[in-house]
Amino acid sequence: MARAGGITNAVNVGIAVQADWENREFISHISLNVRRLFEFLLQFEATTKSKLASLNEKLDTLERRLELLEVQVGTASANPSLFSKVNKT
């Protein structure tokens, strides 16, 4: 009878070891995927910051040009004679 119990215990240990191995493998896959996701997010952040900085520079340039045009239009509106002279020559 002791022998049958030993076989049962060996089978139970084998099942437990197999289950532990599968759990470790699952955790390993989860860890790897979390690392990949983290690396993707870091790269995405860096790329996004770079693109936003570039767009911000372009927007600043456009804003300066708009301000210049507003001043020119204001000057032309305040002094229409200056504008007329330029077009007549």
N, C-alpha and C. Protein backbone atom coordinates (compact mmCIF):
# COMPACT_ATOMS: atom_id res chain seq x y z
N MET A 1 0.82 -1.19 0.00
CA MET A 1 0.00 0.00 0.00
C MET A 1 0.86 1.26 0.00
N ALA A 2 2.00 1.17 0.63
CA ALA A 2 2.89 2.33 0.70
C ALA A 2 3.39 2.68 -0.69
N ARG A 3 3.56 1.62 -1.47
CA ARG A 3 4.05 1.86 -2.83
C ARG A 3 3.04 2.62 -3.66
N ALA A 4 1.79 2.33 -3.56
CA ALA A 4 0.75 3.04 -4.31
C ALA A 4 0.70 4.50 -3.89
N GLY A 5 0.86 4.75 -2.60
CA GLY A 5 0.87 6.13 -2.12
C GLY A 5 2.08 6.88 -2.66
N GLY A 6 3.20 6.19 -2.77
CA GLY A 6 4.41 6.82 -3.32
C GLY A 6 4.24 7.21 -4.76
N ILE A 7 3.58 6.37 -5.53
CA ILE A 7 3.32 6.67 -6.93
C ILE A 7 2.39 7.87 -7.05
N THR A 8 1.38 7.89 -6.20
CA THR A 8 0.44 9.01 -6.20
C THR A 8 1.15 10.30 -5.85
N ASN A 9 2.02 10.25 -4.85
CA ASN A 9 2.78 11.44 -4.46
C ASN A 9 3.71 11.89 -5.58
N ALA A 10 4.34 10.93 -6.24
CA ALA A 10 5.24 11.26 -7.35
C ALA A 10 4.46 11.91 -8.49
N VAL A 11 3.27 11.39 -8.77
CA VAL A 11 2.43 11.96 -9.82
C VAL A 11 2.01 13.38 -9.43
N ASN A 12 1.62 13.54 -8.16
CA ASN A 12 1.21 14.87 -7.68
C ASN A 12 2.37 15.86 -7.76
N VAL A 13 3.56 15.41 -7.40
CA VAL A 13 4.74 16.28 -7.48
C VAL A 13 5.02 16.63 -8.94
N GLY A 14 4.91 15.64 -9.80
CA GLY A 14 5.12 15.89 -11.23
C GLY A 14 4.12 16.91 -11.77
N ILE A 15 2.88 16.77 -11.38
CA ILE A 15 1.84 17.71 -11.82
C ILE A 15 2.14 19.11 -11.28
N ALA A 16 2.55 19.17 -10.01
CA ALA A 16 2.87 20.46 -9.39
C ALA A 16 4.06 21.12 -10.09
N VAL A 17 5.08 20.30 -10.40
CA VAL A 17 6.26 20.84 -11.09
C VAL A 17 5.85 21.36 -12.48
N GLN A 18 5.05 20.60 -13.20
CA GLN A 18 4.60 21.01 -14.53
C GLN A 18 3.79 22.31 -14.44
N ALA A 19 2.90 22.39 -13.47
CA ALA A 19 2.09 23.60 -13.29
C ALA A 19 2.97 24.79 -12.95
N ASP A 20 3.98 24.56 -12.09
CA ASP A 20 4.90 25.64 -11.72
C ASP A 20 5.68 26.11 -12.95
N TRP A 21 6.13 25.17 -13.76
CA TRP A 21 6.87 25.51 -14.98
C TRP A 21 5.99 26.34 -15.93
N GLU A 22 4.77 25.94 -16.10
CA GLU A 22 3.85 26.67 -16.98
C GLU A 22 3.57 28.08 -16.43
N ASN A 23 3.42 28.18 -15.11
CA ASN A 23 3.20 29.50 -14.51
C ASN A 23 4.41 30.40 -14.70
N ARG A 24 5.60 29.85 -14.53
CA ARG A 24 6.82 30.64 -14.73
C ARG A 24 6.95 31.08 -16.19
N GLU A 25 6.62 30.20 -17.08
CA GLU A 25 6.69 30.53 -18.50
C GLU A 25 5.68 31.64 -18.84
N PHE A 26 4.49 31.53 -18.29
CA PHE A 26 3.45 32.55 -18.50
C PHE A 26 3.91 33.89 -17.95
N ILE A 27 4.48 33.89 -16.75
CA ILE A 27 4.97 35.13 -16.14
C ILE A 27 6.11 35.71 -16.97
N SER A 28 6.96 34.84 -17.50
CA SER A 28 8.05 35.31 -18.36
C SER A 28 7.52 36.01 -19.61
N HIS A 29 6.49 35.43 -20.22
CA HIS A 29 5.88 36.05 -21.40
C HIS A 29 5.24 37.39 -21.05
N ILE A 30 4.57 37.44 -19.93
CA ILE A 30 3.94 38.69 -19.49
C ILE A 30 5.02 39.75 -19.26
N SER A 31 6.09 39.38 -18.57
CA SER A 31 7.18 40.32 -18.29
C SER A 31 7.80 40.85 -19.58
N LEU A 32 8.03 39.95 -20.53
CA LEU A 32 8.61 40.36 -21.81
C LEU A 32 7.69 41.33 -22.53
N ASN A 33 6.40 41.04 -22.55
CA ASN A 33 5.45 41.92 -23.23
C ASN A 33 5.33 43.27 -22.53
N VAL A 34 5.41 43.28 -21.21
CA VAL A 34 5.37 44.55 -20.47
C VAL A 34 6.61 45.37 -20.82
N ARG A 35 7.77 44.73 -20.87
CA ARG A 35 9.00 45.44 -21.26
C ARG A 35 8.88 46.00 -22.67
N ARG A 36 8.36 45.21 -23.59
CA ARG A 36 8.19 45.69 -24.97
C ARG A 36 7.24 46.88 -25.03
N LEU A 37 6.17 46.81 -24.29
CA LEU A 37 5.21 47.91 -24.24
C LEU A 37 5.87 49.16 -23.66
N PHE A 38 6.64 49.00 -22.60
CA PHE A 38 7.33 50.12 -21.97
C PHE A 38 8.32 50.76 -22.95
N GLU A 39 9.08 49.94 -23.66
CA GLU A 39 10.04 50.46 -24.64
C GLU A 39 9.31 51.20 -25.76
N PHE A 40 8.20 50.65 -26.21
CA PHE A 40 7.40 51.32 -27.24
C PHE A 40 6.93 52.68 -26.74
N LEU A 41 6.43 52.72 -25.50
CA LEU A 41 5.94 53.99 -24.97
C LEU A 41 7.05 55.02 -24.82
N LEU A 42 8.24 54.59 -24.42
CA LEU A 42 9.37 55.51 -24.34
C LEU A 42 9.73 56.06 -25.72
N GLN A 43 9.77 55.19 -26.71
CA GLN A 43 10.08 55.62 -28.08
C GLN A 43 8.99 56.54 -28.61
N PHE A 44 7.74 56.20 -28.34
CA PHE A 44 6.61 57.02 -28.78
C PHE A 44 6.69 58.41 -28.15
N GLU A 45 7.01 58.46 -26.87
CA GLU A 45 7.13 59.75 -26.19
C GLU A 45 8.23 60.60 -26.81
N ALA A 46 9.39 60.00 -27.05
CA ALA A 46 10.51 60.73 -27.63
C ALA A 46 10.16 61.25 -29.02
N THR A 47 9.56 60.41 -29.83
CA THR A 47 9.18 60.81 -31.18
C THR A 47 8.13 61.92 -31.15
N THR A 48 7.15 61.77 -30.27
CA THR A 48 6.09 62.76 -30.17
C THR A 48 6.63 64.09 -29.70
N LYS A 49 7.51 64.07 -28.70
CA LYS A 49 8.11 65.32 -28.22
C LYS A 49 8.88 66.01 -29.33
N SER A 50 9.62 65.25 -30.10
CA SER A 50 10.39 65.81 -31.20
C SER A 50 9.48 66.45 -32.25
N LYS A 51 8.45 65.73 -32.62
CA LYS A 51 7.53 66.26 -33.64
C LYS A 51 6.79 67.49 -33.12
N LEU A 52 6.38 67.47 -31.86
CA LEU A 52 5.70 68.63 -31.29
C LEU A 52 6.63 69.84 -31.21
N ALA A 53 7.89 69.61 -30.90
CA ALA A 53 8.86 70.71 -30.86
C ALA A 53 9.02 71.33 -32.25
N SER A 54 9.08 70.47 -33.26
CA SER A 54 9.20 70.95 -34.64
C SER A 54 7.96 71.75 -35.04
N LEU A 55 6.80 71.24 -34.72
CA LEU A 55 5.56 71.95 -35.03
C LEU A 55 5.47 73.27 -34.28
N ASN A 56 5.95 73.30 -33.05
CA ASN A 56 5.93 74.52 -32.26
C ASN A 56 6.82 75.59 -32.89
N GLU A 57 7.99 75.19 -33.39
CA GLU A 57 8.87 76.14 -34.08
C GLU A 57 8.18 76.70 -35.32
N LYS A 58 7.55 75.85 -36.09
CA LYS A 58 6.85 76.31 -37.29
C LYS A 58 5.70 77.25 -36.92
N LEU A 59 4.99 76.92 -35.87
CA LEU A 59 3.89 77.77 -35.42
C LEU A 59 4.41 79.12 -34.95
N ASP A 60 5.52 79.15 -34.24
CA ASP A 60 6.12 80.42 -33.82
C ASP A 60 6.48 81.28 -35.02
N THR A 61 7.05 80.65 -36.05
CA THR A 61 7.41 81.38 -37.27
C THR A 61 6.17 81.95 -37.93
N LEU A 62 5.13 81.17 -38.04
CA LEU A 62 3.88 81.65 -38.64
C LEU A 62 3.26 82.79 -37.84
N GLU A 63 3.34 82.68 -36.51
CA GLU A 63 2.80 83.75 -35.67
C GLU A 63 3.57 85.05 -35.86
N ARG A 64 4.90 84.96 -35.98
CA ARG A 64 5.70 86.18 -36.23
C ARG A 64 5.36 86.78 -37.59
N ARG A 65 5.19 85.94 -38.59
CA ARG A 65 4.81 86.45 -39.92
C ARG A 65 3.44 87.11 -39.89
N LEU A 66 2.52 86.51 -39.17
CA LEU A 66 1.18 87.07 -39.05
C LEU A 66 1.23 88.43 -38.36
N GLU A 67 2.02 88.53 -37.30
CA GLU A 67 2.16 89.82 -36.61
C GLU A 67 2.73 90.88 -37.53
N LEU A 68 3.72 90.49 -38.33
CA LEU A 68 4.30 91.44 -39.30
C LEU A 68 3.26 91.88 -40.32
N LEU A 69 2.50 90.94 -40.83
CA LEU A 69 1.46 91.29 -41.80
C LEU A 69 0.39 92.19 -41.17
N GLU A 70 0.04 91.92 -39.93
CA GLU A 70 -0.94 92.77 -39.24
C GLU A 70 -0.43 94.20 -39.11
N VAL A 71 0.86 94.35 -38.80
CA VAL A 71 1.46 95.69 -38.70
C VAL A 71 1.44 96.36 -40.08
N GLN A 72 1.79 95.61 -41.10
CA GLN A 72 1.81 96.19 -42.46
C GLN A 72 0.42 96.61 -42.89
N VAL A 73 -0.59 95.79 -42.60
CA VAL A 73 -1.96 96.14 -42.96
C VAL A 73 -2.42 97.35 -42.15
N GLY A 74 -2.07 97.39 -40.87
CA GLY A 74 -2.42 98.54 -40.04
C GLY A 74 -1.79 99.81 -40.54
N THR A 75 -0.54 99.73 -40.96
CA THR A 75 0.17 100.89 -41.50
C THR A 75 -0.48 101.33 -42.82
N ALA A 76 -0.80 100.38 -43.66
CA ALA A 76 -1.43 100.70 -44.95
C ALA A 76 -2.81 101.31 -44.74
N SER A 77 -3.55 100.83 -43.75
CA SER A 77 -4.88 101.37 -43.46
C SER A 77 -4.79 102.78 -42.89
N ALA A 78 -3.78 103.01 -42.03
CA ALA A 78 -3.63 104.33 -41.41
C ALA A 78 -3.10 105.36 -42.39
N ASN A 79 -2.31 104.93 -43.35
CA ASN A 79 -1.71 105.84 -44.34
C ASN A 79 -1.99 105.35 -45.76
N PRO A 80 -3.22 105.45 -46.22
CA PRO A 80 -3.51 104.95 -47.57
C PRO A 80 -2.73 105.65 -48.66
N SER A 81 -2.29 106.86 -48.38
CA SER A 81 -1.51 107.59 -49.39
C SER A 81 -0.17 106.90 -49.65
N LEU A 82 0.41 106.32 -48.63
CA LEU A 82 1.66 105.59 -48.83
C LEU A 82 1.45 104.39 -49.74
N PHE A 83 0.34 103.74 -49.54
CA PHE A 83 0.04 102.56 -50.33
C PHE A 83 -0.26 102.95 -51.77
N SER A 84 -0.94 104.06 -51.97
CA SER A 84 -1.28 104.53 -53.32
C SER A 84 -0.02 104.91 -54.07
N LYS A 85 0.92 105.57 -53.42
CA LYS A 85 2.17 105.98 -54.07
C LYS A 85 2.97 104.78 -54.53
N VAL A 86 3.00 103.74 -53.73
CA VAL A 86 3.77 102.56 -54.10
C VAL A 86 3.18 101.92 -55.34
N ASN A 87 1.86 101.86 -55.43
CA ASN A 87 1.24 101.22 -56.57
C ASN A 87 1.32 102.07 -57.84
N LYS A 88 1.43 103.41 -57.71
CA LYS A 88 1.44 104.29 -58.89
C LYS A 88 2.82 104.36 -59.53
N THR A 89 3.86 104.02 -58.83
CA THR A 89 5.19 104.16 -59.42
C THR A 89 5.62 102.98 -60.20
